[in-house]
């Protein structure tokens, strides 16, 4: 009998990658939880309603939780009232339905205020770099509680920088924490199939990147063997891209000493605090006056 896998955020980039890999592998019935989209295996669910989630998870073997408000503003309105509340409802629905495993797509940003060069393992203490990173920590702890109290197998995968549509790191920082598409597919397949007696695991979701900011050596426990290395793109990425952080080139924005990169200098409204960035990045301070505002 096929294992039924329920993916929240399954229409996002990482969710699509994992869903496609499961369908290709065979042996899985893939359900995509969504609020409004339609398509193959889509299940409409209200994530703010406990009963809706209980109904959606009937017969599910594994939940993969990717759905998350990604921006760094609206900490109470979105991160607490949406991200944390949704996770609590989701884990409770998993408990009620006897779901075997919940795999949470966490983030490297739970450790973003460590400095580059520090030894950071999966057991290091939390040092979130932003509202986003803080909310990821909170959801990880919900999983820890449900594993300890109710025996659900809960895995937290601290994802680095997932591939863009071209399947290459988006900037220089990303080459250190990159997760390629094929490594992503392998990683989550391994997480689903790993020994069900393992009740709790936290690990990094990254490729075999030379110079990685994080110690990923314990990833091999589940048999994960990443094939790609972001270092091959180092110096070849679009470090001048400006994207969502306005006029500051990406490589300049991440020139400070912390591993969180673009998240570290954000203020409570999710905007770049240029005065703080100038304090922690001499390179930015020297070039600040040259930037177009």
Protein backbone atom coordinates (compact mmCIF):
# COMPACT_ATOMS: atom_id res chain seq x y z
CA UNK A 1 0.00 0.00 0.00
CA UNK A 2 1.28 3.45 -0.90
CA UNK A 3 2.24 5.81 1.90
CA UNK A 4 0.05 8.89 2.00
CA UNK A 5 2.20 12.04 2.23
CA UNK A 6 0.61 15.40 3.03
CA UNK A 7 2.64 18.48 2.05
CA UNK A 8 1.80 21.97 3.27
CA UNK A 9 3.17 24.70 1.03
CA UNK A 10 3.27 22.11 -1.72
CA UNK A 11 2.76 24.71 -4.45
CA UNK A 12 5.95 26.59 -3.46
CA UNK A 13 9.37 25.95 -4.99
CA UNK A 14 10.59 23.43 -2.41
CA UNK A 15 7.19 21.82 -2.05
CA UNK A 16 6.91 21.26 -5.81
CA UNK A 17 10.42 19.79 -5.91
CA UNK A 18 9.63 17.26 -3.18
CA UNK A 19 6.16 16.42 -4.50
CA UNK A 20 7.52 15.78 -7.99
CA UNK A 21 10.30 13.57 -6.57
CA UNK A 22 7.81 11.49 -4.59
CA UNK A 23 5.58 10.98 -7.61
CA UNK A 24 8.55 9.98 -9.71
CA UNK A 25 9.84 7.56 -7.07
CA UNK A 26 6.49 5.78 -6.80
CA UNK A 27 4.99 4.18 -3.73
CA UNK A 28 3.48 7.42 -2.43
CA UNK A 29 0.11 9.12 -2.64
CA UNK A 30 0.96 12.82 -2.56
CA UNK A 31 -1.57 15.26 -1.15
CA UNK A 32 -0.99 19.01 -1.42
CA UNK A 33 -2.64 21.08 1.27
CA UNK A 34 -3.78 24.44 -0.07
CA UNK A 35 -6.19 27.22 0.68
CA UNK A 36 -7.34 27.87 -2.85
CA UNK A 37 -5.24 26.40 -5.66
CA UNK A 38 -6.34 23.40 -7.70
CA UNK A 39 -4.48 20.55 -9.36
CA UNK A 40 -3.26 16.99 -8.92
CA UNK A 41 -3.75 15.69 -5.38
CA UNK A 42 -4.86 19.06 -4.00
CA UNK A 43 -6.71 19.09 -0.67
CA UNK A 44 -8.41 22.32 0.34
CA UNK A 45 -7.80 23.04 4.00
CA UNK A 46 -8.22 25.92 6.42
CA UNK A 47 -4.97 26.01 8.39
CA UNK A 48 -6.54 28.24 11.04
CA UNK A 49 -9.19 25.63 11.83
CA UNK A 50 -8.31 22.57 13.90
CA UNK A 51 -11.14 20.40 12.57
CA UNK A 52 -10.25 21.17 8.97
CA UNK A 53 -6.73 19.89 9.56
CA UNK A 54 -7.94 16.82 11.44
CA UNK A 55 -10.11 15.94 8.45
CA UNK A 56 -7.29 16.58 5.95
CA UNK A 57 -4.81 14.29 7.74
CA UNK A 58 -6.98 11.17 7.93
CA UNK A 59 -4.95 8.15 6.80
CA UNK A 60 -1.75 10.22 6.34
CA UNK A 61 1.57 8.52 7.09
CA UNK A 62 3.90 11.56 6.92
CA UNK A 63 3.33 15.31 6.98
CA UNK A 64 5.95 17.56 5.37
CA UNK A 65 5.40 21.10 6.58
CA UNK A 66 6.70 23.81 4.25
CA UNK A 67 3.85 26.34 4.46
CA UNK A 68 5.19 29.45 6.19
CA UNK A 69 4.89 33.23 6.07
CA UNK A 70 8.35 34.12 4.74
CA UNK A 71 8.70 37.86 5.22
CA UNK A 72 10.22 39.47 8.30
CA UNK A 73 7.49 41.94 9.20
CA UNK A 74 4.22 41.41 11.13
CA UNK A 75 5.67 39.24 13.87
CA UNK A 76 2.44 38.98 15.88
CA UNK A 77 -0.06 39.06 13.01
CA UNK A 78 1.69 36.57 10.73
CA UNK A 79 4.47 34.72 12.54
CA UNK A 80 2.60 34.11 15.79
CA UNK A 81 -1.04 34.16 14.63
CA UNK A 82 -0.31 32.24 11.42
CA UNK A 83 2.99 30.32 11.46
CA UNK A 84 3.05 29.23 15.09
CA UNK A 85 -0.69 28.70 15.43
CA UNK A 86 -0.86 26.69 12.19
CA UNK A 87 1.99 24.46 13.35
CA UNK A 88 0.27 23.80 16.69
CA UNK A 89 -2.96 22.85 14.93
CA UNK A 90 -1.03 20.71 12.44
CA UNK A 91 0.85 18.72 15.09
CA UNK A 92 -2.33 18.24 17.09
CA UNK A 93 -4.15 16.96 13.98
CA UNK A 94 -1.21 14.62 13.39
CA UNK A 95 -1.51 13.31 16.95
CA UNK A 96 -5.25 12.74 16.65
CA UNK A 97 -4.84 10.87 13.36
CA UNK A 98 -1.88 8.73 14.39
CA UNK A 99 0.45 10.27 11.79
CA UNK A 100 3.82 8.50 12.01
CA UNK A 101 6.16 11.40 11.18
CA UNK A 102 6.12 15.17 10.76
CA UNK A 103 9.01 16.71 8.83
CA UNK A 104 9.31 20.45 9.30
CA UNK A 105 11.06 22.58 6.70
CA UNK A 106 12.94 24.77 9.17
CA UNK A 107 15.75 27.18 8.32
CA UNK A 108 19.43 27.89 8.83
CA UNK A 109 18.25 31.25 10.15
CA UNK A 110 17.58 29.67 13.56
CA UNK A 111 21.39 30.03 13.96
CA UNK A 112 21.91 33.26 12.03
CA UNK A 113 23.69 35.23 14.76
CA UNK A 114 26.64 32.89 14.97
CA UNK A 115 29.73 34.30 13.30
CA UNK A 116 31.28 32.86 10.19
CA UNK A 117 34.00 30.44 11.25
CA UNK A 118 32.32 29.39 14.49
CA UNK A 119 31.64 25.67 14.82
CA UNK A 120 27.87 25.35 14.40
CA UNK A 121 26.33 21.91 14.76
CA UNK A 122 22.74 20.71 14.69
CA UNK A 123 22.88 20.68 18.51
CA UNK A 124 24.05 24.29 18.87
CA UNK A 125 21.90 26.68 20.89
CA UNK A 126 19.38 28.76 18.98
CA UNK A 127 20.55 32.20 17.85
CA UNK A 128 17.82 33.40 15.45
CA UNK A 129 18.63 36.36 13.23
CA UNK A 130 15.15 37.74 12.50
CA UNK A 131 11.42 37.47 13.09
CA UNK A 132 11.43 34.66 10.55
CA UNK A 133 14.23 32.77 12.32
CA UNK A 134 12.58 33.24 15.71
CA UNK A 135 9.28 31.79 14.44
CA UNK A 136 11.14 28.80 12.99
CA UNK A 137 12.65 28.16 16.44
CA UNK A 138 9.19 28.21 17.99
CA UNK A 139 7.81 25.68 15.53
CA UNK A 140 10.83 23.41 16.02
CA UNK A 141 10.03 23.38 19.74
CA UNK A 142 6.43 22.40 19.05
CA UNK A 143 7.83 19.34 17.27
CA UNK A 144 10.14 18.59 20.18
CA UNK A 145 7.16 18.67 22.57
CA UNK A 146 5.02 16.38 20.42
CA UNK A 147 7.89 13.93 20.03
CA UNK A 148 8.57 13.81 23.79
CA UNK A 149 4.98 13.85 25.01
CA UNK A 150 3.09 11.95 22.33
CA UNK A 151 5.75 9.90 20.55
CA UNK A 152 5.25 11.36 17.07
CA UNK A 153 8.45 11.13 15.05
CA UNK A 154 9.41 14.76 14.38
CA UNK A 155 12.27 15.86 12.14
CA UNK A 156 13.43 19.48 11.79
CA UNK A 157 15.34 20.12 8.55
CA UNK A 158 17.19 23.46 8.68
CA UNK A 159 17.17 24.33 4.99
CA UNK A 160 19.93 26.56 3.62
CA UNK A 161 19.40 28.39 0.34
CA UNK A 162 17.27 26.38 -2.07
CA UNK A 163 17.99 26.57 -5.77
CA UNK A 164 16.44 29.21 -7.95
CA UNK A 165 14.74 28.18 -11.19
CA UNK A 166 18.14 27.76 -12.87
CA UNK A 167 19.24 25.37 -10.08
CA UNK A 168 22.26 27.45 -9.10
CA UNK A 169 22.99 29.46 -5.91
CA UNK A 170 21.57 32.95 -6.15
CA UNK A 171 24.59 34.80 -4.70
CA UNK A 172 27.95 34.25 -3.03
CA UNK A 173 26.52 33.59 0.46
CA UNK A 174 24.21 30.95 -0.96
CA UNK A 175 27.15 28.93 -2.28
CA UNK A 176 28.01 28.07 1.35
CA UNK A 177 24.53 26.91 2.36
CA UNK A 178 23.05 25.83 -0.97
CA UNK A 179 20.54 23.00 -1.38
CA UNK A 180 20.28 21.85 -4.97
CA UNK A 181 17.09 20.41 -6.43
CA UNK A 182 18.33 16.83 -6.68
CA UNK A 183 19.83 16.90 -3.19
CA UNK A 184 16.57 18.32 -1.85
CA UNK A 185 14.62 15.47 -3.43
CA UNK A 186 16.99 12.85 -2.00
CA UNK A 187 17.01 14.44 1.46
CA UNK A 188 13.26 14.41 1.98
CA UNK A 189 12.86 10.91 0.57
CA UNK A 190 15.47 9.74 3.10
CA UNK A 191 13.64 11.56 5.90
CA UNK A 192 10.36 9.84 5.05
CA UNK A 193 11.88 6.38 4.88
CA UNK A 194 14.22 6.57 7.87
CA UNK A 195 13.63 4.23 10.82
CA UNK A 196 10.23 5.00 12.38
CA UNK A 197 11.64 4.28 15.85
CA UNK A 198 13.63 7.54 15.59
CA UNK A 199 11.36 9.95 17.43
CA UNK A 200 13.29 13.18 17.02
CA UNK A 201 15.99 14.47 14.70
CA UNK A 202 17.29 17.85 13.67
CA UNK A 203 19.65 18.32 10.77
CA UNK A 204 20.78 20.74 8.06
CA UNK A 205 19.17 20.70 4.64
CA UNK A 206 22.17 21.55 2.46
CA UNK A 207 24.26 20.15 -0.35
CA UNK A 208 27.91 19.07 0.08
CA UNK A 209 29.17 22.65 0.01
CA UNK A 210 32.89 23.21 0.53
CA UNK A 211 33.39 25.74 3.33
CA UNK A 212 29.82 25.32 4.61
CA UNK A 213 28.99 27.67 7.49
CA UNK A 214 27.48 24.69 9.33
CA UNK A 215 28.76 21.27 10.39
CA UNK A 216 26.56 18.89 8.39
CA UNK A 217 28.43 15.71 9.30
CA UNK A 218 25.51 14.17 11.19
CA UNK A 219 23.27 14.34 8.10
CA UNK A 220 24.63 10.97 7.04
CA UNK A 221 22.74 9.22 9.86
CA UNK A 222 19.66 8.92 7.62
CA UNK A 223 21.72 7.85 4.61
CA UNK A 224 21.64 11.28 2.95
CA UNK A 225 24.54 11.57 0.48
CA UNK A 226 24.41 14.98 -1.25
CA UNK A 227 25.92 15.18 -4.73
CA UNK A 228 26.31 18.90 -5.37
CA UNK A 229 28.74 21.55 -4.12
CA UNK A 230 27.89 25.24 -4.22
CA UNK A 231 31.60 26.13 -4.26
CA UNK A 232 31.72 25.44 -7.99
CA UNK A 233 29.61 28.59 -8.47
CA UNK A 234 31.55 30.77 -6.03
CA UNK A 235 32.45 34.04 -7.72
CA UNK A 236 30.12 33.28 -10.64
CA UNK A 237 26.77 34.17 -9.09
CA UNK A 238 24.85 37.40 -9.50
CA UNK A 239 26.20 39.16 -6.43
CA UNK A 240 24.92 42.48 -7.74
CA UNK A 241 21.29 41.38 -7.65
CA UNK A 242 19.15 43.73 -5.61
CA UNK A 243 15.84 41.89 -5.36
CA UNK A 244 13.61 42.42 -2.37
CA UNK A 245 16.19 44.40 -0.40
CA UNK A 246 16.03 47.43 -2.62
CA UNK A 247 19.25 49.17 -3.63
CA UNK A 248 21.87 47.14 -1.77
CA UNK A 249 23.68 44.50 -3.88
CA UNK A 250 23.30 41.04 -2.35
CA UNK A 251 27.01 40.38 -1.80
CA UNK A 252 27.43 43.77 -0.10
CA UNK A 253 24.37 43.17 2.05
CA UNK A 254 25.91 39.93 3.36
CA UNK A 255 29.45 41.25 3.83
CA UNK A 256 29.12 41.35 7.64
CA UNK A 257 30.50 38.59 9.94
CA UNK A 258 27.26 36.74 10.73
CA UNK A 259 26.05 33.60 8.95
CA UNK A 260 22.45 34.80 8.67
CA UNK A 261 23.36 37.03 5.75
CA UNK A 262 20.58 39.31 4.53
CA UNK A 263 18.44 38.70 7.64
CA UNK A 264 20.86 40.03 10.27
CA UNK A 265 20.47 43.77 9.59
CA UNK A 266 16.64 43.70 9.38
CA UNK A 267 14.57 45.82 11.74
CA UNK A 268 11.29 44.79 13.36
CA UNK A 269 9.36 45.87 10.26
CA UNK A 270 11.46 43.67 8.00
CA UNK A 271 13.37 46.57 6.48
CA UNK A 272 17.14 46.99 6.22
CA UNK A 273 18.59 49.01 9.10
CA UNK A 274 21.45 50.65 7.22
CA UNK A 275 22.93 52.25 10.31
CA UNK A 276 23.23 48.86 11.99
CA UNK A 277 24.57 47.27 8.80
CA UNK A 278 27.25 49.98 8.64
CA UNK A 279 28.25 49.14 12.23
CA UNK A 280 28.79 45.45 11.53
CA UNK A 281 30.09 45.70 7.96
CA UNK A 282 33.06 47.99 7.27
CA UNK A 283 32.70 47.12 3.58
CA UNK A 284 29.13 48.40 3.51
CA UNK A 285 30.06 51.48 5.54
CA UNK A 286 32.77 52.35 3.00
CA UNK A 287 30.46 51.99 -0.01
CA UNK A 288 27.20 53.23 1.46
CA UNK A 289 27.44 56.70 -0.04
CA UNK A 290 27.96 55.28 -3.53
CA UNK A 291 24.66 53.38 -3.61
CA UNK A 292 21.61 54.58 -5.48
CA UNK A 293 18.72 55.08 -3.08
